[in-house]
PDB file of all heavy atoms in Angstrom:
ATOM      1  N   ALA A   1     -16.191   6.250  10.713  1.00  0.00           N
ATOM      2  CA  ALA A   1     -15.643   7.356   9.909  1.00  0.00           C
ATOM      3  C   ALA A   1     -14.137   7.484  10.135  1.00  0.00           C
ATOM      4  O   ALA A   1     -13.371   7.687   9.182  1.00  0.00           O
ATOM      5  CB  ALA A   1     -16.347   8.660  10.260  1.00  0.00           C
ATOM      6  N   GLU A   2     -13.707   7.349  11.380  1.00  0.00           N
ATOM      7  CA  GLU A   2     -12.280   7.426  11.703  1.00  0.00           C
ATOM      8  C   GLU A   2     -11.514   6.276  11.035  1.00  0.00           C
ATOM      9  O   GLU A   2     -10.431   6.481  10.474  1.00  0.00           O
ATOM     10  CB  GLU A   2     -12.069   7.363  13.213  1.00  0.00           C
ATOM     11  CG  GLU A   2     -10.613   7.371  13.627  1.00  0.00           C
ATOM     12  CD  GLU A   2     -10.424   7.079  15.099  1.00  0.00           C
ATOM     13  OE1 GLU A   2     -11.272   7.475  15.923  1.00  0.00           O
ATOM     14  OE2 GLU A   2      -9.411   6.427  15.426  1.00  0.00           O
ATOM     15  N   LEU A   3     -12.076   5.086  11.086  1.00  0.00           N
ATOM     16  CA  LEU A   3     -11.418   3.928  10.475  1.00  0.00           C
ATOM     17  C   LEU A   3     -11.258   4.113   8.970  1.00  0.00           C
ATOM     18  O   LEU A   3     -10.240   3.730   8.394  1.00  0.00           O
ATOM     19  CB  LEU A   3     -12.205   2.645  10.778  1.00  0.00           C
ATOM     20  CG  LEU A   3     -12.126   2.137  12.213  1.00  0.00           C
ATOM     21  CD1 LEU A   3     -13.178   1.056  12.451  1.00  0.00           C
ATOM     22  CD2 LEU A   3     -10.741   1.615  12.540  1.00  0.00           C
ATOM     23  N   GLU A   4     -12.255   4.695   8.315  1.00  0.00           N
ATOM     24  CA  GLU A   4     -12.169   4.909   6.872  1.00  0.00           C
ATOM     25  C   GLU A   4     -11.080   5.907   6.499  1.00  0.00           C
ATOM     26  O   GLU A   4     -10.509   5.829   5.426  1.00  0.00           O
ATOM     27  CB  GLU A   4     -13.516   5.377   6.314  1.00  0.00           C
ATOM     28  CG  GLU A   4     -14.511   4.257   6.187  1.00  0.00           C
ATOM     29  CD  GLU A   4     -15.709   4.609   5.333  1.00  0.00           C
ATOM     30  OE1 GLU A   4     -15.769   5.729   4.778  1.00  0.00           O
ATOM     31  OE2 GLU A   4     -16.590   3.751   5.209  1.00  0.00           O
ATOM     32  N   GLU A   5     -10.765   6.829   7.407  1.00  0.00           N
ATOM     33  CA  GLU A   5      -9.746   7.844   7.139  1.00  0.00           C
ATOM     34  C   GLU A   5      -8.324   7.331   7.369  1.00  0.00           C
ATOM     35  O   GLU A   5      -7.364   7.943   6.906  1.00  0.00           O
ATOM     36  CB  GLU A   5      -9.984   9.078   8.018  1.00  0.00           C
ATOM     37  CG  GLU A   5     -11.257   9.824   7.689  1.00  0.00           C
ATOM     38  CD  GLU A   5     -11.245  10.398   6.284  1.00  0.00           C
ATOM     39  OE1 GLU A   5     -10.211  10.953   5.856  1.00  0.00           O
ATOM     40  OE2 GLU A   5     -12.272  10.281   5.591  1.00  0.00           O
ATOM     41  N   ARG A   6      -8.171   6.238   8.059  1.00  0.00           N
ATOM     42  CA  ARG A   6      -6.843   5.710   8.347  1.00  0.00           C
ATOM     43  C   ARG A   6      -6.161   5.237   7.072  1.00  0.00           C
ATOM     44  O   ARG A   6      -6.807   4.885   6.094  1.00  0.00           O
ATOM     45  CB  ARG A   6      -6.923   4.548   9.329  1.00  0.00           C
ATOM     46  CG  ARG A   6      -7.283   4.999  10.722  1.00  0.00           C
ATOM     47  CD  ARG A   6      -7.225   3.866  11.687  1.00  0.00           C
ATOM     48  NE  ARG A   6      -7.720   4.309  12.984  1.00  0.00           N
ATOM     49  CZ  ARG A   6      -7.936   3.510  13.996  1.00  0.00           C
ATOM     50  NH1 ARG A   6      -7.681   2.217  13.882  1.00  0.00           N
ATOM     51  NH2 ARG A   6      -8.390   3.983  15.135  1.00  0.00           N
ATOM     52  N   GLU A   7      -4.834   5.230   7.138  1.00  0.00           N
ATOM     53  CA  GLU A   7      -4.057   4.743   6.006  1.00  0.00           C
ATOM     54  C   GLU A   7      -3.085   3.685   6.511  1.00  0.00           C
ATOM     55  O   GLU A   7      -2.471   3.836   7.557  1.00  0.00           O
ATOM     56  CB  GLU A   7      -3.301   5.895   5.349  1.00  0.00           C
ATOM     57  CG  GLU A   7      -2.651   5.512   4.049  1.00  0.00           C
ATOM     58  CD  GLU A   7      -2.093   6.694   3.302  1.00  0.00           C
ATOM     59  OE1 GLU A   7      -1.075   7.240   3.741  1.00  0.00           O
ATOM     60  OE2 GLU A   7      -2.706   7.068   2.283  1.00  0.00           O
ATOM     61  N   TYR A   8      -2.966   2.614   5.751  1.00  0.00           N
ATOM     62  CA  TYR A   8      -2.114   1.490   6.110  1.00  0.00           C
ATOM     63  C   TYR A   8      -1.063   1.313   5.026  1.00  0.00           C
ATOM     64  O   TYR A   8      -1.357   1.454   3.844  1.00  0.00           O
ATOM     65  CB  TYR A   8      -2.949   0.211   6.233  1.00  0.00           C
ATOM     66  CG  TYR A   8      -4.037   0.307   7.272  1.00  0.00           C
ATOM     67  CD1 TYR A   8      -5.258   0.930   6.984  1.00  0.00           C
ATOM     68  CD2 TYR A   8      -3.851  -0.203   8.544  1.00  0.00           C
ATOM     69  CE1 TYR A   8      -6.252   1.030   7.937  1.00  0.00           C
ATOM     70  CE2 TYR A   8      -4.849  -0.115   9.498  1.00  0.00           C
ATOM     71  CZ  TYR A   8      -6.042   0.504   9.199  1.00  0.00           C
ATOM     72  OH  TYR A   8      -7.027   0.607  10.144  1.00  0.00           O
ATOM     73  N   GLU A   9       0.151   0.996   5.456  1.00  0.00           N
ATOM     74  CA  GLU A   9       1.225   0.736   4.503  1.00  0.00           C
ATOM     75  C   GLU A   9       1.603  -0.737   4.601  1.00  0.00           C
ATOM     76  O   GLU A   9       1.785  -1.276   5.690  1.00  0.00           O
ATOM     77  CB  GLU A   9       2.430   1.621   4.815  1.00  0.00           C
ATOM     78  CG  GLU A   9       3.362   1.740   3.654  1.00  0.00           C
ATOM     79  CD  GLU A   9       4.309   2.930   3.775  1.00  0.00           C
ATOM     80  OE1 GLU A   9       3.959   3.916   4.440  1.00  0.00           O
ATOM     81  OE2 GLU A   9       5.394   2.835   3.193  1.00  0.00           O
ATOM     82  N   VAL A  10       1.718  -1.380   3.451  1.00  0.00           N
ATOM     83  CA  VAL A  10       1.977  -2.814   3.379  1.00  0.00           C
ATOM     84  C   VAL A  10       3.095  -3.051   2.376  1.00  0.00           C
ATOM     85  O   VAL A  10       3.176  -2.355   1.362  1.00  0.00           O
ATOM     86  CB  VAL A  10       0.698  -3.554   2.914  1.00  0.00           C
ATOM     87  CG1 VAL A  10       0.946  -5.032   2.763  1.00  0.00           C
ATOM     88  CG2 VAL A  10      -0.454  -3.304   3.860  1.00  0.00           C
ATOM     89  N   THR A  11       3.933  -4.046   2.667  1.00  0.00           N
ATOM     90  CA  THR A  11       4.955  -4.448   1.699  1.00  0.00           C
ATOM     91  C   THR A  11       4.801  -5.929   1.404  1.00  0.00           C
ATOM     92  O   THR A  11       4.261  -6.682   2.215  1.00  0.00           O
ATOM     93  CB  THR A  11       6.384  -4.180   2.223  1.00  0.00           C
ATOM     94  OG1 THR A  11       6.587  -4.933   3.409  1.00  0.00           O
ATOM     95  CG2 THR A  11       6.604  -2.710   2.487  1.00  0.00           C
ATOM     96  N   ALA A  12       5.286  -6.317   0.240  1.00  0.00           N
ATOM     97  CA  ALA A  12       5.258  -7.732  -0.162  1.00  0.00           C
ATOM     98  C   ALA A  12       6.476  -7.994  -1.038  1.00  0.00           C
ATOM     99  O   ALA A  12       7.120  -7.067  -1.532  1.00  0.00           O
ATOM    100  CB  ALA A  12       3.967  -8.049  -0.907  1.00  0.00           C
ATOM    101  N   GLY A  13       6.759  -9.260  -1.231  1.00  0.00           N
ATOM    102  CA  GLY A  13       7.881  -9.641  -2.077  1.00  0.00           C
ATOM    103  C   GLY A  13       9.201  -9.173  -1.507  1.00  0.00           C
ATOM    104  O   GLY A  13      10.071  -8.718  -2.240  1.00  0.00           O
ATOM    105  N   GLY A  14       9.329  -9.258  -0.180  1.00  0.00           N
ATOM    106  CA  GLY A  14      10.567  -8.824   0.453  1.00  0.00           C
ATOM    107  C   GLY A  14      10.797  -7.330   0.338  1.00  0.00           C
ATOM    108  O   GLY A  14      11.929  -6.870   0.328  1.00  0.00           O
ATOM    109  N   GLY A  15       9.743  -6.555   0.225  1.00  0.00           N
ATOM    110  CA  GLY A  15       9.844  -5.108   0.111  1.00  0.00           C
ATOM    111  C   GLY A  15       9.891  -4.615  -1.329  1.00  0.00           C
ATOM    112  O   GLY A  15       9.993  -3.414  -1.569  1.00  0.00           O
ATOM    113  N   ALA A  16       9.794  -5.531  -2.284  1.00  0.00           N
ATOM    114  CA  ALA A  16       9.834  -5.142  -3.692  1.00  0.00           C
ATOM    115  C   ALA A  16       8.603  -4.340  -4.107  1.00  0.00           C
ATOM    116  O   ALA A  16       8.666  -3.522  -5.012  1.00  0.00           O
ATOM    117  CB  ALA A  16       9.969  -6.377  -4.569  1.00  0.00           C
ATOM    118  N   VAL A  17       7.500  -4.581  -3.418  1.00  0.00           N
ATOM    119  CA  VAL A  17       6.257  -3.844  -3.675  1.00  0.00           C
ATOM    120  C   VAL A  17       5.769  -3.279  -2.346  1.00  0.00           C
ATOM    121  O   VAL A  17       5.743  -3.975  -1.333  1.00  0.00           O
ATOM    122  CB  VAL A  17       5.170  -4.764  -4.288  1.00  0.00           C
ATOM    123  CG1 VAL A  17       3.826  -4.052  -4.340  1.00  0.00           C
ATOM    124  CG2 VAL A  17       5.580  -5.225  -5.671  1.00  0.00           C
ATOM    125  N   SER A  18       5.425  -2.007  -2.368  1.00  0.00           N
ATOM    126  CA  SER A  18       4.784  -1.416  -1.193  1.00  0.00           C
ATOM    127  C   SER A  18       3.539  -0.689  -1.673  1.00  0.00           C
ATOM    128  O   SER A  18       3.502  -0.176  -2.797  1.00  0.00           O
ATOM    129  CB  SER A  18       5.725  -0.461  -0.454  1.00  0.00           C
ATOM    130  OG  SER A  18       6.025   0.652  -1.245  1.00  0.00           O
ATOM    131  N   LEU A  19       2.543  -0.709  -0.826  1.00  0.00           N
ATOM    132  CA  LEU A  19       1.322   0.004  -1.187  1.00  0.00           C
ATOM    133  C   LEU A  19       0.713   0.632   0.044  1.00  0.00           C
ATOM    134  O   LEU A  19       0.992   0.245   1.165  1.00  0.00           O
ATOM    135  CB  LEU A  19       0.320  -0.906  -1.905  1.00  0.00           C
ATOM    136  CG  LEU A  19      -0.348  -2.058  -1.157  1.00  0.00           C
ATOM    137  CD1 LEU A  19      -1.555  -1.585  -0.358  1.00  0.00           C
ATOM    138  CD2 LEU A  19      -0.797  -3.094  -2.159  1.00  0.00           C
ATOM    139  N   LYS A  20      -0.105   1.627  -0.225  1.00  0.00           N
ATOM    140  CA  LYS A  20      -0.884   2.280   0.821  1.00  0.00           C
ATOM    141  C   LYS A  20      -2.343   2.002   0.510  1.00  0.00           C
ATOM    142  O   LYS A  20      -2.771   2.061  -0.637  1.00  0.00           O
ATOM    143  CB  LYS A  20      -0.627   3.787   0.852  1.00  0.00           C
ATOM    144  CG  LYS A  20       0.766   4.126   1.320  1.00  0.00           C
ATOM    145  CD  LYS A  20       0.974   5.616   1.374  1.00  0.00           C
ATOM    146  CE  LYS A  20       2.407   5.926   1.797  1.00  0.00           C
ATOM    147  NZ  LYS A  20       2.668   7.352   1.808  1.00  0.00           N
ATOM    148  N   ILE A  21      -3.080   1.688   1.576  1.00  0.00           N
ATOM    149  CA  ILE A  21      -4.506   1.409   1.432  1.00  0.00           C
ATOM    150  C   ILE A  21      -5.243   2.149   2.546  1.00  0.00           C
ATOM    151  O   ILE A  21      -4.774   2.212   3.676  1.00  0.00           O
ATOM    152  CB  ILE A  21      -4.787  -0.121   1.463  1.00  0.00           C
ATOM    153  CG1 ILE A  21      -6.260  -0.418   1.195  1.00  0.00           C
ATOM    154  CG2 ILE A  21      -4.315  -0.737   2.759  1.00  0.00           C
ATOM    155  CD1 ILE A  21      -6.553  -1.896   0.944  1.00  0.00           C
ATOM    156  N   SER A  22      -6.365   2.717   2.204  1.00  0.00           N
ATOM    157  CA  SER A  22      -7.153   3.449   3.199  1.00  0.00           C
ATOM    158  C   SER A  22      -8.062   2.496   3.958  1.00  0.00           C
ATOM    159  O   SER A  22      -8.296   1.362   3.520  1.00  0.00           O
ATOM    160  CB  SER A  22      -8.000   4.525   2.508  1.00  0.00           C
ATOM    161  OG  SER A  22      -9.077   3.931   1.809  1.00  0.00           O
ATOM    162  N   GLY A  23      -8.568   2.977   5.070  1.00  0.00           N
ATOM    163  CA  GLY A  23      -9.526   2.204   5.843  1.00  0.00           C
ATOM    164  C   GLY A  23     -10.811   1.949   5.076  1.00  0.00           C
ATOM    165  O   GLY A  23     -11.592   1.067   5.425  1.00  0.00           O
ATOM    166  N   ALA A  24     -11.026   2.703   4.006  1.00  0.00           N
ATOM    167  CA  ALA A  24     -12.184   2.499   3.138  1.00  0.00           C
ATOM    168  C   ALA A  24     -11.889   1.442   2.071  1.00  0.00           C
ATOM    169  O   ALA A  24     -12.664   1.257   1.140  1.00  0.00           O
ATOM    170  CB  ALA A  24     -12.589   3.813   2.471  1.00  0.00           C
ATOM    171  N   ARG A  25     -10.738   0.768   2.229  1.00  0.00           N
ATOM    172  CA  ARG A  25     -10.311  -0.310   1.339  1.00  0.00           C
ATOM    173  C   ARG A  25     -10.053   0.176  -0.084  1.00  0.00           C
ATOM    174  O   ARG A  25     -10.392  -0.476  -1.060  1.00  0.00           O
ATOM    175  CB  ARG A  25     -11.321  -1.462   1.351  1.00  0.00           C
ATOM    176  CG  ARG A  25     -11.405  -2.143   2.704  1.00  0.00           C
ATOM    177  CD  ARG A  25     -12.671  -2.965   2.831  1.00  0.00           C
ATOM    178  NE  ARG A  25     -12.823  -3.517   4.167  1.00  0.00           N
ATOM    179  CZ  ARG A  25     -13.358  -2.879   5.192  1.00  0.00           C
ATOM    180  NH1 ARG A  25     -13.762  -1.637   5.066  1.00  0.00           N
ATOM    181  NH2 ARG A  25     -13.487  -3.473   6.369  1.00  0.00           N
ATOM    182  N   ARG A  26      -9.414   1.334  -0.182  1.00  0.00           N
ATOM    183  CA  ARG A  26      -9.025   1.897  -1.468  1.00  0.00           C
ATOM    184  C   ARG A  26      -7.504   1.968  -1.514  1.00  0.00           C
ATOM    185  O   ARG A  26      -6.880   2.545  -0.627  1.00  0.00           O
ATOM    186  CB  ARG A  26      -9.570   3.317  -1.649  1.00  0.00           C
ATOM    187  CG  ARG A  26     -11.075   3.417  -1.548  1.00  0.00           C
ATOM    188  CD  ARG A  26     -11.693   3.329  -2.934  1.00  0.00           C
ATOM    189  NE  ARG A  26     -13.098   3.653  -2.878  1.00  0.00           N
ATOM    190  CZ  ARG A  26     -14.055   2.752  -2.949  1.00  0.00           C
ATOM    191  NH1 ARG A  26     -13.762   1.481  -3.055  1.00  0.00           N
ATOM    192  NH2 ARG A  26     -15.314   3.103  -2.913  1.00  0.00           N
ATOM    193  N   VAL A  27      -6.910   1.378  -2.540  1.00  0.00           N
ATOM    194  CA  VAL A  27      -5.466   1.467  -2.716  1.00  0.00           C
ATOM    195  C   VAL A  27      -5.166   2.887  -3.184  1.00  0.00           C
ATOM    196  O   VAL A  27      -5.713   3.349  -4.183  1.00  0.00           O
ATOM    197  CB  VAL A  27      -4.955   0.427  -3.730  1.00  0.00           C
ATOM    198  CG1 VAL A  27      -3.475   0.607  -3.989  1.00  0.00           C
ATOM    199  CG2 VAL A  27      -5.243  -0.989  -3.230  1.00  0.00           C
ATOM    200  N   THR A  28      -4.303   3.592  -2.430  1.00  0.00           N
ATOM    201  CA  THR A  28      -4.010   4.987  -2.750  1.00  0.00           C
ATOM    202  C   THR A  28      -2.630   5.181  -3.359  1.00  0.00           C
ATOM    203  O   THR A  28      -2.358   6.226  -3.939  1.00  0.00           O
ATOM    204  CB  THR A  28      -4.147   5.870  -1.497  1.00  0.00           C
ATOM    205  OG1 THR A  28      -3.243   5.400  -0.484  1.00  0.00           O
ATOM    206  CG2 THR A  28      -5.574   5.854  -0.967  1.00  0.00           C
ATOM    207  N   ASP A  29      -1.762   4.180  -3.232  1.00  0.00           N
ATOM    208  CA  ASP A  29      -0.420   4.307  -3.782  1.00  0.00           C
ATOM    209  C   ASP A  29       0.214   2.928  -3.914  1.00  0.00           C
ATOM    210  O   ASP A  29      -0.010   2.057  -3.067  1.00  0.00           O
ATOM    211  CB  ASP A  29       0.448   5.181  -2.868  1.00  0.00           C
ATOM    212  CG  ASP A  29       1.785   5.541  -3.494  1.00  0.00           C
ATOM    213  OD1 ASP A  29       1.846   5.770  -4.716  1.00  0.00           O
ATOM    214  OD2 ASP A  29       2.789   5.582  -2.750  1.00  0.00           O
ATOM    215  N   ILE A  30       0.976   2.733  -4.983  1.00  0.00           N
ATOM    216  CA  ILE A  30       1.739   1.495  -5.181  1.00  0.00           C
ATOM    217  C   ILE A  30       3.130   1.889  -5.654  1.00  0.00           C
ATOM    218  O   ILE A  30       3.267   2.708  -6.572  1.00  0.00           O
ATOM    219  CB  ILE A  30       1.093   0.556  -6.223  1.00  0.00           C
ATOM    220  CG1 ILE A  30      -0.259   0.052  -5.753  1.00  0.00           C
ATOM    221  CG2 ILE A  30       2.015  -0.621  -6.519  1.00  0.00           C
ATOM    222  CD1 ILE A  30      -0.978  -0.853  -6.757  1.00  0.00           C
ATOM    223  N   LYS A  31       4.127   1.306  -5.027  1.00  0.00           N
ATOM    224  CA  LYS A  31       5.504   1.496  -5.466  1.00  0.00           C
ATOM    225  C   LYS A  31       6.082   0.114  -5.785  1.00  0.00           C
ATOM    226  O   LYS A  31       5.949  -0.813  -4.995  1.00  0.00           O
ATOM    227  CB  LYS A  31       6.318   2.175  -4.377  1.00  0.00           C
ATOM    228  CG  LYS A  31       5.943   3.644  -4.182  1.00  0.00           C
ATOM    229  CD  LYS A  31       6.900   4.339  -3.250  1.00  0.00           C
ATOM    230  CE  LYS A  31       6.653   5.807  -3.160  1.00  0.00           C
ATOM    231  NZ  LYS A  31       5.421   6.276  -2.734  1.00  0.00           N
ATOM    232  N   ILE A  32       6.715   0.013  -6.945  1.00  0.00           N
ATOM    233  CA  ILE A  32       7.295  -1.249  -7.388  1.00  0.00           C
ATOM    234  C   ILE A  32       8.784  -1.020  -7.640  1.00  0.00           C
ATOM    235  O   ILE A  32       9.165  -0.111  -8.386  1.00  0.00           O
ATOM    236  CB  ILE A  32       6.611  -1.749  -8.682  1.00  0.00           C
ATOM    237  CG1 ILE A  32       5.110  -1.936  -8.449  1.00  0.00           C
ATOM    238  CG2 ILE A  32       7.256  -3.037  -9.173  1.00  0.00           C
ATOM    239  CD1 ILE A  32       4.311  -2.199  -9.703  1.00  0.00           C
ATOM    240  N   ASP A  33       9.597  -1.851  -7.013  1.00  0.00           N
ATOM    241  CA  ASP A  33      11.031  -1.793  -7.253  1.00  0.00           C
ATOM    242  C   ASP A  33      11.278  -2.216  -8.700  1.00  0.00           C
ATOM    243  O   ASP A  33      10.926  -3.328  -9.096  1.00  0.00           O
ATOM    244  CB  ASP A  33      11.744  -2.738  -6.283  1.00  0.00           C
ATOM    245  CG  ASP A  33      13.248  -2.717  -6.429  1.00  0.00           C
ATOM    246  OD1 ASP A  33      13.757  -2.138  -7.418  1.00  0.00           O
ATOM    247  OD2 ASP A  33      13.922  -3.284  -5.551  1.00  0.00           O
ATOM    248  N   PRO A  34      11.890  -1.347  -9.510  1.00  0.00           N
ATOM    249  CA  PRO A  34      12.119  -1.680 -10.926  1.00  0.00           C
ATOM    250  C   PRO A  34      12.930  -2.959 -11.129  1.00  0.00           C
ATOM    251  O   PRO A  34      12.798  -3.616 -12.171  1.00  0.00           O
ATOM    252  CB  PRO A  34      12.892  -0.476 -11.465  1.00  0.00           C
ATOM    253  CG  PRO A  34      12.675   0.621 -10.493  1.00  0.00           C
ATOM    254  CD  PRO A  34      12.364  -0.010  -9.170  1.00  0.00           C
ATOM    255  N   GLU A  35      13.701  -3.345 -10.134  1.00  0.00           N
ATOM    256  CA  GLU A  35      14.520  -4.558 -10.243  1.00  0.00           C
ATOM    257  C   GLU A  35      13.676  -5.824 -10.426  1.00  0.00           C
ATOM    258  O   GLU A  35      14.153  -6.805 -10.982  1.00  0.00           O
ATOM    259  CB  GLU A  35      15.389  -4.720  -8.989  1.00  0.00           C
ATOM    260  CG  GLU A  35      16.376  -3.601  -8.772  1.00  0.00           C
ATOM    261  CD  GLU A  35      17.621  -3.758  -9.612  1.00  0.00           C
ATOM    262  OE1 GLU A  35      18.107  -4.890  -9.753  1.00  0.00           O
ATOM    263  OE2 GLU A  35      18.091  -2.736 -10.129  1.00  0.00           O
ATOM    264  N   ILE A  36      12.434  -5.800  -9.938  1.00  0.00           N
ATOM    265  CA  ILE A  36      11.627  -7.027 -10.021  1.00  0.00           C
ATOM    266  C   ILE A  36      10.766  -7.096 -11.277  1.00  0.00           C
ATOM    267  O   ILE A  36      10.084  -8.072 -11.504  1.00  0.00           O
ATOM    268  CB  ILE A  36      10.738  -7.224  -8.779  1.00  0.00           C
ATOM    269  CG1 ILE A  36       9.637  -6.171  -8.724  1.00  0.00           C
ATOM    270  CG2 ILE A  36      11.560  -7.248  -7.519  1.00  0.00           C
ATOM    271  CD1 ILE A  36       8.482  -6.578  -7.865  1.00  0.00           C
ATOM    272  N   ILE A  37      10.820  -6.055 -12.076  1.00  0.00           N
ATOM    273  CA  ILE A  37      10.015  -6.050 -13.297  1.00  0.00           C
ATOM    274  C   ILE A  37      10.753  -6.852 -14.370  1.00  0.00           C
ATOM    275  O   ILE A  37      11.798  -6.445 -14.866  1.00  0.00           O
ATOM    276  CB  ILE A  37       9.724  -4.618 -13.772  1.00  0.00           C
ATOM    277  CG1 ILE A  37       8.934  -3.869 -12.703  1.00  0.00           C
ATOM    278  CG2 ILE A  37       8.956  -4.650 -15.092  1.00  0.00           C
ATOM    279  CD1 ILE A  37       8.723  -2.402 -12.998  1.00  0.00           C
TER     280      ILE A  37
END
């Protein structure tokens, strides 16, 4: 239950994309640098 409540922050593309994912393996947020679009 504790693991499912945790939140992880990940970046990719040299920081151009960042996302948050819960321990329940649900993506809760995505941020995309407009420069890479």
